[in-house]
Amino acid sequence: MDTRFHVGQLVMVKEDPDVFPFCGEIARVAALDVPCMDGLGMEVVSDRLGPFKGTYAQFEPVPEMGGRH
């Protein structure tokens, strides 16, 4: 498991020719350590594309925005 990711976190799909249609897509992590075509990865859910899977290397965390109270 990659410790940079946790369930509920926002992630973005990296620029990668292997995942071209998904590049730049923002999604929320739904499950970790799921089987993928290239090994273990995670399942994420995008508002636009629905659920899909990818390896940990295909995603990068989206910085959390701290709100003012």
N, C-alpha and C. Protein backbone atom coordinates (compact mmCIF):
# COMPACT_ATOMS: atom_id res chain seq x y z
N MET A 1 0.85 -1.19 0.00
CA MET A 1 0.00 0.00 0.00
C MET A 1 0.89 1.24 0.00
N ASP A 2 0.49 2.23 -0.75
CA ASP A 2 1.22 3.49 -0.81
C ASP A 2 0.66 4.41 0.28
N THR A 3 1.50 4.84 1.20
CA THR A 3 1.04 5.62 2.34
C THR A 3 0.69 7.06 2.00
N ARG A 4 0.96 7.50 0.77
CA ARG A 4 0.58 8.87 0.38
C ARG A 4 -0.92 8.99 0.16
N PHE A 5 -1.62 7.86 0.05
CA PHE A 5 -3.04 7.87 -0.29
C PHE A 5 -3.88 7.28 0.84
N HIS A 6 -5.12 7.79 0.96
CA HIS A 6 -6.08 7.24 1.92
C HIS A 6 -7.49 7.35 1.32
N VAL A 7 -8.38 6.50 1.79
CA VAL A 7 -9.76 6.50 1.30
C VAL A 7 -10.39 7.85 1.59
N GLY A 8 -11.10 8.39 0.60
CA GLY A 8 -11.75 9.68 0.73
C GLY A 8 -10.92 10.84 0.21
N GLN A 9 -9.66 10.60 -0.09
CA GLN A 9 -8.74 11.64 -0.55
C GLN A 9 -9.00 11.99 -2.01
N LEU A 10 -8.79 13.26 -2.36
CA LEU A 10 -8.85 13.67 -3.76
C LEU A 10 -7.50 13.44 -4.41
N VAL A 11 -7.54 12.86 -5.62
CA VAL A 11 -6.33 12.59 -6.39
C VAL A 11 -6.54 13.04 -7.83
N MET A 12 -5.42 13.20 -8.54
CA MET A 12 -5.49 13.55 -9.95
C MET A 12 -4.69 12.52 -10.73
N VAL A 13 -5.22 12.15 -11.90
CA VAL A 13 -4.52 11.20 -12.76
C VAL A 13 -3.37 11.94 -13.43
N LYS A 14 -2.17 11.36 -13.32
CA LYS A 14 -0.97 11.96 -13.91
C LYS A 14 -1.03 11.91 -15.44
N GLU A 15 -0.24 12.77 -16.06
CA GLU A 15 -0.08 12.73 -17.52
C GLU A 15 0.69 11.47 -17.86
N ASP A 16 0.04 10.53 -18.50
CA ASP A 16 0.64 9.24 -18.81
C ASP A 16 -0.03 8.70 -20.06
N PRO A 17 0.73 8.37 -21.10
CA PRO A 17 0.11 7.87 -22.33
C PRO A 17 -0.72 6.60 -22.14
N ASP A 18 -0.40 5.82 -21.10
CA ASP A 18 -1.16 4.58 -20.85
C ASP A 18 -2.58 4.85 -20.37
N VAL A 19 -2.80 6.03 -19.81
CA VAL A 19 -4.14 6.36 -19.28
C VAL A 19 -4.66 7.65 -19.93
N PHE A 20 -4.34 7.83 -21.20
CA PHE A 20 -4.62 9.08 -21.90
C PHE A 20 -6.03 9.65 -21.68
N PRO A 21 -7.09 8.87 -21.81
CA PRO A 21 -8.42 9.50 -21.66
C PRO A 21 -8.69 10.03 -20.26
N PHE A 22 -7.92 9.57 -19.27
CA PHE A 22 -8.16 9.95 -17.88
C PHE A 22 -7.21 11.04 -17.38
N CYS A 23 -6.21 11.44 -18.15
CA CYS A 23 -5.21 12.41 -17.71
C CYS A 23 -5.85 13.69 -17.18
N GLY A 24 -5.40 14.12 -16.02
CA GLY A 24 -5.91 15.35 -15.43
C GLY A 24 -7.22 15.20 -14.70
N GLU A 25 -7.82 14.02 -14.74
CA GLU A 25 -9.11 13.80 -14.08
C GLU A 25 -8.94 13.83 -12.57
N ILE A 26 -9.84 14.53 -11.89
CA ILE A 26 -9.86 14.58 -10.43
C ILE A 26 -10.86 13.55 -9.94
N ALA A 27 -10.46 12.76 -8.97
CA ALA A 27 -11.33 11.71 -8.46
C ALA A 27 -11.09 11.53 -6.97
N ARG A 28 -12.01 10.82 -6.31
CA ARG A 28 -11.88 10.54 -4.88
C ARG A 28 -11.56 9.06 -4.70
N VAL A 29 -10.59 8.76 -3.82
CA VAL A 29 -10.18 7.39 -3.57
C VAL A 29 -11.32 6.63 -2.88
N ALA A 30 -11.70 5.48 -3.47
CA ALA A 30 -12.77 4.65 -2.91
C ALA A 30 -12.22 3.41 -2.21
N ALA A 31 -11.13 2.84 -2.74
CA ALA A 31 -10.55 1.62 -2.15
C ALA A 31 -9.07 1.55 -2.49
N LEU A 32 -8.30 0.99 -1.57
CA LEU A 32 -6.86 0.83 -1.76
C LEU A 32 -6.52 -0.66 -1.94
N ASP A 33 -5.37 -0.92 -2.53
CA ASP A 33 -4.86 -2.28 -2.73
C ASP A 33 -5.82 -3.17 -3.51
N VAL A 34 -6.37 -2.64 -4.59
CA VAL A 34 -7.23 -3.44 -5.47
C VAL A 34 -6.39 -3.95 -6.64
N PRO A 35 -6.73 -5.13 -7.16
CA PRO A 35 -5.98 -5.65 -8.31
C PRO A 35 -6.23 -4.81 -9.55
N CYS A 36 -5.15 -4.47 -10.25
CA CYS A 36 -5.21 -3.72 -11.50
C CYS A 36 -4.46 -4.50 -12.57
N MET A 37 -4.52 -4.03 -13.80
CA MET A 37 -3.82 -4.72 -14.88
C MET A 37 -2.32 -4.77 -14.63
N ASP A 38 -1.76 -3.76 -13.99
CA ASP A 38 -0.31 -3.69 -13.77
C ASP A 38 0.09 -3.95 -12.32
N GLY A 39 -0.72 -4.67 -11.57
CA GLY A 39 -0.40 -4.96 -10.17
C GLY A 39 -1.46 -4.42 -9.23
N LEU A 40 -1.04 -4.00 -8.05
CA LEU A 40 -1.98 -3.42 -7.08
C LEU A 40 -2.09 -1.92 -7.29
N GLY A 41 -3.26 -1.40 -6.99
CA GLY A 41 -3.50 0.03 -7.12
C GLY A 41 -4.70 0.43 -6.29
N MET A 42 -5.46 1.36 -6.82
CA MET A 42 -6.64 1.82 -6.10
C MET A 42 -7.80 2.06 -7.04
N GLU A 43 -8.99 2.01 -6.46
CA GLU A 43 -10.20 2.36 -7.21
C GLU A 43 -10.59 3.76 -6.80
N VAL A 44 -10.90 4.58 -7.78
CA VAL A 44 -11.30 5.96 -7.52
C VAL A 44 -12.64 6.22 -8.21
N VAL A 45 -13.33 7.27 -7.78
CA VAL A 45 -14.61 7.63 -8.38
C VAL A 45 -14.55 9.09 -8.80
N SER A 46 -14.84 9.31 -10.07
CA SER A 46 -14.87 10.65 -10.64
C SER A 46 -16.31 11.05 -10.89
N ASP A 47 -16.65 12.31 -10.67
CA ASP A 47 -18.00 12.79 -10.96
C ASP A 47 -18.33 12.64 -12.43
N ARG A 48 -17.35 12.83 -13.28
CA ARG A 48 -17.58 12.82 -14.73
C ARG A 48 -17.51 11.42 -15.33
N LEU A 49 -16.55 10.59 -14.86
CA LEU A 49 -16.32 9.29 -15.47
C LEU A 49 -16.78 8.10 -14.64
N GLY A 50 -17.20 8.33 -13.40
CA GLY A 50 -17.61 7.22 -12.54
C GLY A 50 -16.40 6.50 -11.97
N PRO A 51 -16.57 5.24 -11.55
CA PRO A 51 -15.46 4.52 -10.93
C PRO A 51 -14.48 3.97 -11.97
N PHE A 52 -13.20 4.00 -11.61
CA PHE A 52 -12.17 3.35 -12.43
C PHE A 52 -10.97 3.03 -11.54
N LYS A 53 -10.09 2.16 -12.04
CA LYS A 53 -8.94 1.70 -11.27
C LYS A 53 -7.65 2.12 -11.94
N GLY A 54 -6.59 2.22 -11.15
CA GLY A 54 -5.26 2.51 -11.67
C GLY A 54 -4.22 2.17 -10.63
N THR A 55 -2.98 2.08 -11.08
CA THR A 55 -1.89 1.81 -10.13
C THR A 55 -1.58 3.08 -9.35
N TYR A 56 -0.93 2.90 -8.22
CA TYR A 56 -0.58 4.07 -7.40
C TYR A 56 0.27 5.07 -8.17
N ALA A 57 1.14 4.57 -9.06
CA ALA A 57 2.03 5.45 -9.81
C ALA A 57 1.28 6.34 -10.80
N GLN A 58 0.04 6.00 -11.13
CA GLN A 58 -0.72 6.78 -12.10
C GLN A 58 -1.46 7.95 -11.47
N PHE A 59 -1.39 8.08 -10.15
CA PHE A 59 -2.11 9.15 -9.45
C PHE A 59 -1.16 10.01 -8.65
N GLU A 60 -1.59 11.24 -8.41
CA GLU A 60 -0.87 12.10 -7.47
C GLU A 60 -1.90 12.76 -6.57
N PRO A 61 -1.55 12.97 -5.29
CA PRO A 61 -2.50 13.59 -4.36
C PRO A 61 -2.80 15.03 -4.77
N VAL A 62 -4.03 15.44 -4.56
CA VAL A 62 -4.41 16.84 -4.74
C VAL A 62 -4.22 17.52 -3.39
N PRO A 63 -3.50 18.63 -3.33
CA PRO A 63 -3.29 19.29 -2.04
C PRO A 63 -4.62 19.67 -1.39
N GLU A 64 -4.72 19.38 -0.11
CA GLU A 64 -5.93 19.71 0.65
C GLU A 64 -6.00 21.22 0.85
N MET A 65 -7.14 21.78 0.62
CA MET A 65 -7.33 23.22 0.81
C MET A 65 -7.85 23.46 2.22
N GLY A 66 -7.10 24.20 2.99
CA GLY A 66 -7.55 24.52 4.35
C GLY A 66 -8.53 25.70 4.29
N GLY A 67 -9.66 25.55 4.90
CA GLY A 67 -10.67 26.61 4.89
C GLY A 67 -10.53 27.54 6.08
N ARG A 68 -11.10 28.70 5.94
CA ARG A 68 -11.13 29.64 7.07
C ARG A 68 -12.43 29.45 7.83
N HIS A 69 -12.33 29.59 9.13
CA HIS A 69 -13.54 29.45 9.95
C HIS A 69 -13.87 30.75 10.59
